[in-house]
Amino acid sequence: MRPYGVLLAAGAGTRTGQPKALVRDADGVSWVVRSVRVMREGGCASIAVVVGAAAEEVSALLADEDVTIVSSPEWTLGMSASLRSGLSWAASTDAEAALVHLVGMPDVGADVVRRVVAAAGPGDAALARAGYDGRAGHPVLMGRVHWEHANAAATGDRGAGSYLKRAGCPLIPCEDLASSNEHTA
């Protein structure tokens, strides 16, 4: 299966003092570009980057990347608005599944993406998420049948975690590959 990727990169990054999408690694690569490349190398067919804060600057960083820019007009409401924007984009495609990832996790590599995708299985009912020492993390792979439920569960700055838990989403151990913490630069 080749899921479509949804990268949530709309936040203002209040804890980092700037949007996380604009933060750069020591090698000068922005976290948003790095995340897109990780998702592509991990097996995502098409990738949408959800933007909000600093949308023009983030979009400019992605000028040389083959991505779709998706605006989240209500990004100030939190992660839920960005997730809904990203899954709405996915629903407009022929994707069976979407891999949702956060821009603020620069230590997550393509190996994590590949592991989650492989564990989820094929089809529009696929479901899996990275787990770190038994705690739920990102990325999350959701087949199409889960998108409406995930959107309904997402509120404020909370994503679809409550739905994923109710749905019995398996945690795929990834602590040997990355940490579970969203970084603050």
Protein backbone atom coordinates (compact mmCIF):
# COMPACT_ATOMS: atom_id res chain seq x y z
CA MET A 1 0.00 0.00 0.00
CA ARG A 2 1.14 3.54 -0.76
CA PRO A 3 -0.73 5.86 1.58
CA TYR A 4 -1.13 9.55 0.99
CA GLY A 5 0.72 11.70 3.49
CA VAL A 6 -0.80 14.50 5.57
CA LEU A 7 1.80 16.64 7.33
CA LEU A 8 0.37 18.92 10.01
CA ALA A 9 2.49 22.09 9.89
CA ALA A 10 -0.01 24.87 10.65
CA GLY A 11 0.81 25.75 14.26
CA ALA A 12 2.39 28.97 15.47
CA GLY A 13 4.92 27.14 17.65
CA THR A 14 4.28 29.19 20.77
CA ARG A 15 6.68 26.99 22.79
CA THR A 16 9.43 27.32 20.19
CA GLY A 17 8.96 31.02 19.56
CA GLN A 18 8.31 30.38 15.85
CA PRO A 19 6.34 27.92 13.74
CA LYS A 20 8.03 24.51 13.94
CA ALA A 21 7.82 24.23 10.16
CA LEU A 22 10.38 27.06 9.93
CA VAL A 23 12.88 25.56 12.40
CA ARG A 24 16.05 24.27 10.75
CA ASP A 25 18.23 21.29 11.60
CA ALA A 26 21.94 21.80 12.21
CA ASP A 27 22.46 21.04 8.50
CA GLY A 28 20.16 23.95 7.54
CA VAL A 29 17.20 21.87 6.32
CA SER A 30 13.84 23.11 7.60
CA TRP A 31 11.73 20.71 9.61
CA VAL A 32 8.90 20.97 7.08
CA VAL A 33 11.14 19.98 4.16
CA ARG A 34 12.76 17.23 6.22
CA SER A 35 9.35 15.83 7.22
CA VAL A 36 8.10 15.81 3.62
CA ARG A 37 11.21 13.92 2.49
CA VAL A 38 10.86 11.42 5.34
CA MET A 39 7.24 10.73 4.42
CA ARG A 40 8.12 10.31 0.74
CA GLU A 41 11.09 8.01 1.50
CA GLY A 42 8.83 6.10 3.87
CA GLY A 43 6.43 5.28 1.06
CA CYS A 44 3.81 8.04 0.81
CA ALA A 45 2.50 8.43 -2.73
CA SER A 46 1.26 12.02 -2.55
CA ILE A 47 1.78 14.46 0.30
CA ALA A 48 -0.23 17.42 1.52
CA VAL A 49 1.26 19.95 3.91
CA VAL A 50 -1.34 21.69 6.06
CA VAL A 51 -0.36 25.31 6.66
CA GLY A 52 -1.71 28.11 8.82
CA ALA A 53 0.74 30.29 10.77
CA ALA A 54 3.44 31.67 8.47
CA ALA A 55 1.71 30.00 5.53
CA GLU A 56 3.58 32.04 2.91
CA GLU A 57 7.00 31.33 4.43
CA VAL A 58 6.26 27.62 4.86
CA SER A 59 4.91 27.37 1.31
CA ALA A 60 8.05 29.11 -0.01
CA LEU A 61 10.25 26.51 1.70
CA LEU A 62 8.33 23.81 -0.15
CA ALA A 63 8.65 25.36 -3.61
CA ASP A 64 11.02 22.61 -4.80
CA GLU A 65 9.09 19.74 -3.18
CA ASP A 66 6.28 17.87 -4.94
CA VAL A 67 3.53 18.55 -2.40
CA THR A 68 0.04 19.97 -2.22
CA ILE A 69 -0.34 22.95 0.08
CA VAL A 70 -3.58 22.77 2.08
CA SER A 71 -4.66 25.84 3.99
CA SER A 72 -6.24 25.41 7.42
CA PRO A 73 -8.28 28.61 7.77
CA GLU A 74 -9.13 27.81 11.41
CA TRP A 75 -5.61 26.72 12.40
CA THR A 76 -5.76 28.93 15.53
CA LEU A 77 -8.34 26.50 16.96
CA GLY A 78 -5.60 23.89 17.28
CA MET A 79 -4.52 20.57 15.84
CA SER A 80 -8.10 19.44 15.29
CA ALA A 81 -8.67 22.09 12.61
CA SER A 82 -5.45 21.11 10.82
CA LEU A 83 -6.35 17.42 10.96
CA ARG A 84 -9.78 18.11 9.50
CA SER A 85 -8.22 20.18 6.69
CA GLY A 86 -5.71 17.42 5.91
CA LEU A 87 -8.23 14.60 5.97
CA SER A 88 -10.62 16.66 3.85
CA TRP A 89 -7.86 16.92 1.24
CA ALA A 90 -7.26 13.15 1.46
CA ALA A 91 -10.99 12.51 1.00
CA SER A 92 -10.88 14.49 -2.25
CA THR A 93 -8.31 12.03 -3.64
CA ASP A 94 -8.46 8.33 -4.43
CA ALA A 95 -6.34 7.46 -1.37
CA GLU A 96 -7.24 4.30 0.54
CA ALA A 97 -5.27 5.47 3.57
CA ALA A 98 -3.59 8.57 4.96
CA LEU A 99 -0.43 8.74 7.03
CA VAL A 100 -0.74 11.70 9.41
CA HIS A 101 2.48 13.14 10.80
CA LEU A 102 3.53 16.18 12.84
CA VAL A 103 6.20 18.62 11.65
CA GLY A 104 7.68 18.93 15.16
CA MET A 105 9.20 15.43 15.23
CA PRO A 106 12.50 15.76 13.35
CA ASP A 107 13.99 12.55 14.75
CA VAL A 108 11.30 10.41 13.11
CA GLY A 109 12.82 8.93 9.99
CA ALA A 110 11.60 7.02 6.97
CA ASP A 111 12.20 3.77 8.84
CA VAL A 112 9.42 4.66 11.30
CA VAL A 113 7.05 5.52 8.47
CA ARG A 114 7.81 2.24 6.69
CA ARG A 115 7.28 0.23 9.88
CA VAL A 116 3.89 1.83 10.59
CA VAL A 117 2.72 1.44 6.98
CA ALA A 118 3.80 -2.22 6.87
CA ALA A 119 2.06 -3.01 10.15
CA ALA A 120 -1.22 -1.35 9.19
CA GLY A 121 -1.97 -3.74 6.40
CA PRO A 122 -3.67 -2.90 3.11
CA GLY A 123 -7.05 -1.43 2.42
CA ASP A 124 -9.32 1.35 3.52
CA ALA A 125 -9.75 -0.14 7.01
CA ALA A 126 -6.00 -0.05 7.79
CA LEU A 127 -5.10 1.39 11.17
CA ALA A 128 -1.77 1.70 13.03
CA ARG A 129 0.28 4.26 14.89
CA ALA A 130 3.81 4.53 16.11
CA GLY A 131 4.27 3.64 19.75
CA TYR A 132 7.13 4.68 21.97
CA ASP A 133 7.64 2.71 25.19
CA GLY A 134 3.93 1.82 25.18
CA ARG A 135 2.76 5.41 24.58
CA ALA A 136 0.89 6.48 21.46
CA GLY A 137 2.82 8.70 19.07
CA HIS A 138 3.18 9.69 15.41
CA PRO A 139 2.94 8.99 12.59
CA VAL A 140 -0.56 7.50 12.44
CA LEU A 141 -1.91 5.56 9.48
CA MET A 142 -5.68 5.57 9.01
CA GLY A 143 -7.65 3.92 6.25
CA ARG A 144 -10.47 5.89 4.66
CA VAL A 145 -13.19 4.27 6.80
CA HIS A 146 -11.66 5.94 9.88
CA TRP A 147 -11.43 9.52 8.62
CA GLU A 148 -14.95 10.67 9.49
CA HIS A 149 -14.67 9.22 13.02
CA ALA A 150 -11.22 10.75 13.48
CA ASN A 151 -12.52 14.16 12.43
CA ALA A 152 -15.46 13.90 14.83
CA ALA A 153 -13.17 12.99 17.74
CA ALA A 154 -10.70 15.82 17.13
CA THR A 155 -11.37 18.94 19.21
CA GLY A 156 -9.29 21.98 20.07
CA ASP A 157 -5.61 21.14 20.21
CA ARG A 158 -6.30 17.42 20.39
CA GLY A 159 -6.21 15.12 17.41
CA ALA A 160 -7.99 11.82 16.93
CA GLY A 161 -6.40 9.99 19.87
CA SER A 162 -9.66 9.23 21.66
CA TYR A 163 -11.14 7.66 18.54
CA LEU A 164 -7.98 5.70 17.79
CA LYS A 165 -8.03 4.27 21.30
CA ARG A 166 -11.71 3.26 21.02
CA ALA A 167 -11.04 1.72 17.61
CA GLY A 168 -8.27 -0.44 19.07
CA CYS A 169 -5.54 1.14 16.97
CA PRO A 170 -2.43 -0.99 17.44
CA LEU A 171 0.74 0.70 18.67
CA ILE A 172 3.69 -0.29 16.56
CA PRO A 173 6.85 -0.20 18.70
CA CYS A 174 9.25 2.40 17.30
CA GLU A 175 11.29 3.47 20.33
CA ASP A 176 14.33 1.79 18.80
CA LEU A 177 14.10 4.23 15.88
CA ALA A 178 12.97 7.59 17.36
CA SER A 179 11.67 9.33 20.45
CA SER A 180 8.03 10.00 21.21
CA ASN A 181 8.50 13.66 22.02
CA GLU A 182 7.46 16.52 19.84
CA HIS A 183 10.49 18.79 19.76
CA THR A 184 10.58 22.45 20.67
CA ALA A 185 13.78 23.32 18.77
